[in-house]
């Protein structure tokens, strides 16, 4: 999908550097995907810690997964 947005050029350059992407669109897409993935992890973790989910993984399985990994 194409949209037009105003984004600070310095921020775009930082995103390109952090993602390792040379082109702007792939860099912004990667940054957005990473952000959304982190928010989903945080939401799931909050539910688990609050006991609001029937989480079927054992502790060992959970530790082997990347659900606790953050960037």
N, C-alpha and C. Protein backbone atom coordinates (compact mmCIF):
# COMPACT_ATOMS: atom_id res chain seq x y z
N UNK A 1 0.85 -1.17 0.00
CA UNK A 1 0.00 0.00 0.00
C UNK A 1 0.90 1.23 0.00
N UNK A 2 0.54 2.19 -0.75
CA UNK A 2 1.29 3.44 -0.80
C UNK A 2 0.53 4.51 -0.01
N UNK A 3 1.32 5.24 0.80
CA UNK A 3 0.77 6.39 1.53
C UNK A 3 1.82 7.48 1.52
N UNK A 4 1.37 8.67 1.77
CA UNK A 4 2.30 9.80 1.88
C UNK A 4 2.32 10.25 3.33
N UNK A 5 3.51 10.29 3.91
CA UNK A 5 3.66 10.73 5.29
C UNK A 5 4.89 11.62 5.40
N UNK A 6 4.88 12.48 6.37
CA UNK A 6 6.04 13.33 6.67
C UNK A 6 6.84 12.64 7.76
N UNK A 7 8.10 12.31 7.46
CA UNK A 7 8.98 11.67 8.43
C UNK A 7 10.29 12.45 8.44
N UNK A 8 10.76 12.73 9.62
CA UNK A 8 12.01 13.46 9.78
C UNK A 8 13.14 12.71 9.09
N UNK A 9 13.90 13.39 8.25
CA UNK A 9 14.99 12.78 7.49
C UNK A 9 16.05 12.15 8.39
N UNK A 10 16.32 12.79 9.52
CA UNK A 10 17.32 12.25 10.45
C UNK A 10 16.84 10.92 11.04
N UNK A 11 15.55 10.84 11.32
CA UNK A 11 15.01 9.59 11.85
C UNK A 11 15.07 8.48 10.80
N UNK A 12 14.79 8.81 9.56
CA UNK A 12 14.85 7.81 8.49
C UNK A 12 16.28 7.30 8.36
N UNK A 13 17.24 8.18 8.40
CA UNK A 13 18.65 7.77 8.31
C UNK A 13 19.03 6.86 9.48
N UNK A 14 18.55 7.19 10.68
CA UNK A 14 18.82 6.34 11.84
C UNK A 14 18.20 4.95 11.65
N UNK A 15 16.98 4.93 11.15
CA UNK A 15 16.29 3.65 10.91
C UNK A 15 17.06 2.84 9.87
N UNK A 16 17.52 3.49 8.81
CA UNK A 16 18.30 2.80 7.80
C UNK A 16 19.56 2.21 8.41
N UNK A 17 20.21 2.97 9.25
CA UNK A 17 21.44 2.49 9.88
C UNK A 17 21.16 1.32 10.82
N UNK A 18 20.12 1.44 11.63
CA UNK A 18 19.78 0.39 12.59
C UNK A 18 19.32 -0.90 11.91
N UNK A 19 18.59 -0.77 10.81
CA UNK A 19 18.08 -1.96 10.13
C UNK A 19 19.09 -2.53 9.14
N UNK A 20 20.08 -1.72 8.76
CA UNK A 20 21.04 -2.18 7.77
C UNK A 20 20.51 -2.10 6.35
N UNK A 21 19.39 -1.44 6.17
CA UNK A 21 18.78 -1.30 4.85
C UNK A 21 19.27 0.00 4.21
N UNK A 22 19.61 -0.08 2.93
CA UNK A 22 20.08 1.11 2.22
C UNK A 22 18.93 1.95 1.68
N UNK A 23 17.84 1.28 1.32
CA UNK A 23 16.68 2.00 0.77
C UNK A 23 15.68 2.31 1.87
N UNK A 24 14.97 3.40 1.68
CA UNK A 24 14.07 3.90 2.73
C UNK A 24 12.88 2.98 2.97
N UNK A 25 12.19 2.57 1.91
CA UNK A 25 10.98 1.75 2.10
C UNK A 25 11.26 0.45 2.83
N UNK A 26 12.28 -0.32 2.41
CA UNK A 26 12.56 -1.56 3.16
C UNK A 26 12.96 -1.29 4.61
N UNK A 27 13.68 -0.21 4.85
CA UNK A 27 14.08 0.14 6.21
C UNK A 27 12.86 0.45 7.07
N UNK A 28 11.96 1.26 6.55
CA UNK A 28 10.76 1.61 7.31
C UNK A 28 9.85 0.40 7.50
N UNK A 29 9.73 -0.44 6.48
CA UNK A 29 8.91 -1.66 6.61
C UNK A 29 9.48 -2.57 7.67
N UNK A 30 10.79 -2.74 7.70
CA UNK A 30 11.42 -3.59 8.71
C UNK A 30 11.24 -3.02 10.10
N UNK A 31 11.43 -1.71 10.24
CA UNK A 31 11.26 -1.07 11.54
C UNK A 31 9.82 -1.20 12.04
N UNK A 32 8.87 -1.04 11.15
CA UNK A 32 7.46 -1.18 11.52
C UNK A 32 7.15 -2.62 11.93
N UNK A 33 7.64 -3.58 11.17
CA UNK A 33 7.41 -4.99 11.49
C UNK A 33 8.04 -5.34 12.84
N UNK A 34 9.26 -4.86 13.08
CA UNK A 34 9.93 -5.12 14.35
C UNK A 34 9.15 -4.51 15.51
N UNK A 35 8.67 -3.30 15.33
CA UNK A 35 7.89 -2.63 16.38
C UNK A 35 6.62 -3.41 16.69
N UNK A 36 5.90 -3.82 15.65
CA UNK A 36 4.65 -4.56 15.86
C UNK A 36 4.90 -5.90 16.55
N UNK A 37 5.97 -6.60 16.15
CA UNK A 37 6.32 -7.87 16.77
C UNK A 37 6.62 -7.67 18.27
N UNK A 38 7.35 -6.62 18.61
CA UNK A 38 7.66 -6.34 20.01
C UNK A 38 6.40 -6.03 20.81
N UNK A 39 5.48 -5.28 20.22
CA UNK A 39 4.23 -4.96 20.92
C UNK A 39 3.40 -6.22 21.16
N UNK A 40 3.38 -7.13 20.17
CA UNK A 40 2.64 -8.39 20.32
C UNK A 40 3.28 -9.24 21.43
N UNK A 41 4.59 -9.28 21.49
CA UNK A 41 5.29 -10.03 22.54
C UNK A 41 4.94 -9.46 23.91
N UNK A 42 4.98 -8.14 24.02
CA UNK A 42 4.68 -7.50 25.30
C UNK A 42 3.25 -7.79 25.74
N UNK A 43 2.32 -7.74 24.79
CA UNK A 43 0.92 -8.00 25.11
C UNK A 43 0.72 -9.45 25.57
N UNK A 44 1.35 -10.39 24.88
CA UNK A 44 1.24 -11.79 25.26
C UNK A 44 1.87 -12.02 26.64
N UNK A 45 3.03 -11.47 26.86
CA UNK A 45 3.70 -11.63 28.14
C UNK A 45 2.86 -11.05 29.28
N UNK A 46 2.26 -9.89 29.05
CA UNK A 46 1.41 -9.28 30.07
C UNK A 46 0.23 -10.18 30.40
N UNK A 47 -0.38 -10.79 29.38
CA UNK A 47 -1.51 -11.71 29.60
C UNK A 47 -1.06 -12.92 30.40
N UNK A 48 0.07 -13.49 30.01
CA UNK A 48 0.58 -14.68 30.71
C UNK A 48 0.87 -14.36 32.16
N UNK A 49 1.58 -13.26 32.41
CA UNK A 49 1.93 -12.89 33.78
C UNK A 49 0.72 -12.56 34.63
N UNK A 50 -0.34 -12.07 33.99
CA UNK A 50 -1.57 -11.74 34.71
C UNK A 50 -2.46 -12.96 34.87
N UNK A 51 -2.07 -14.09 34.26
CA UNK A 51 -2.87 -15.31 34.37
C UNK A 51 -4.14 -15.27 33.56
N UNK A 52 -4.17 -14.45 32.52
CA UNK A 52 -5.37 -14.31 31.70
C UNK A 52 -5.34 -15.16 30.44
N UNK A 53 -4.49 -16.17 30.42
CA UNK A 53 -4.42 -17.02 29.25
C UNK A 53 -4.11 -18.44 29.68
N UNK A 54 -4.56 -19.39 28.88
CA UNK A 54 -4.24 -20.79 29.12
C UNK A 54 -3.06 -21.12 28.22
N UNK A 55 -1.88 -20.87 28.73
CA UNK A 55 -0.66 -21.02 27.94
C UNK A 55 -0.16 -22.44 28.08
N UNK A 56 -0.08 -23.17 26.97
CA UNK A 56 0.19 -24.60 27.02
C UNK A 56 1.67 -24.98 27.00
N UNK A 57 2.58 -24.04 26.80
CA UNK A 57 4.00 -24.38 26.77
C UNK A 57 4.53 -24.59 28.19
N UNK A 58 5.46 -25.52 28.32
CA UNK A 58 6.13 -25.70 29.60
C UNK A 58 7.16 -24.58 29.77
N UNK A 59 7.69 -24.45 30.96
CA UNK A 59 8.70 -23.42 31.20
C UNK A 59 9.91 -23.64 30.30
N UNK A 60 10.35 -24.90 30.15
CA UNK A 60 11.49 -25.20 29.28
C UNK A 60 11.21 -24.79 27.83
N UNK A 61 10.01 -25.10 27.35
CA UNK A 61 9.65 -24.73 25.97
C UNK A 61 9.60 -23.22 25.82
N UNK A 62 9.08 -22.54 26.82
CA UNK A 62 8.99 -21.08 26.78
C UNK A 62 10.38 -20.46 26.75
N UNK A 63 11.30 -20.99 27.57
CA UNK A 63 12.65 -20.46 27.59
C UNK A 63 13.39 -20.69 26.27
N UNK A 64 13.05 -21.76 25.56
CA UNK A 64 13.67 -22.05 24.27
C UNK A 64 13.14 -21.14 23.16
N UNK A 65 11.94 -20.60 23.36
CA UNK A 65 11.36 -19.72 22.35
C UNK A 65 11.95 -18.33 22.46
N UNK A 66 11.60 -17.44 21.53
CA UNK A 66 12.12 -16.07 21.56
C UNK A 66 11.11 -15.08 22.12
N UNK A 67 10.12 -15.55 22.86
CA UNK A 67 9.09 -14.64 23.36
C UNK A 67 9.63 -13.64 24.37
N UNK A 68 10.68 -13.99 25.08
CA UNK A 68 11.25 -13.07 26.05
C UNK A 68 12.35 -12.21 25.46
N UNK A 69 12.77 -12.50 24.25
CA UNK A 69 13.85 -11.74 23.64
C UNK A 69 13.36 -10.37 23.23
N UNK A 70 14.12 -9.35 23.54
CA UNK A 70 13.82 -7.99 23.10
C UNK A 70 15.04 -7.41 22.46
N UNK A 71 14.82 -6.42 21.66
CA UNK A 71 15.93 -5.78 20.93
C UNK A 71 16.46 -4.60 21.68
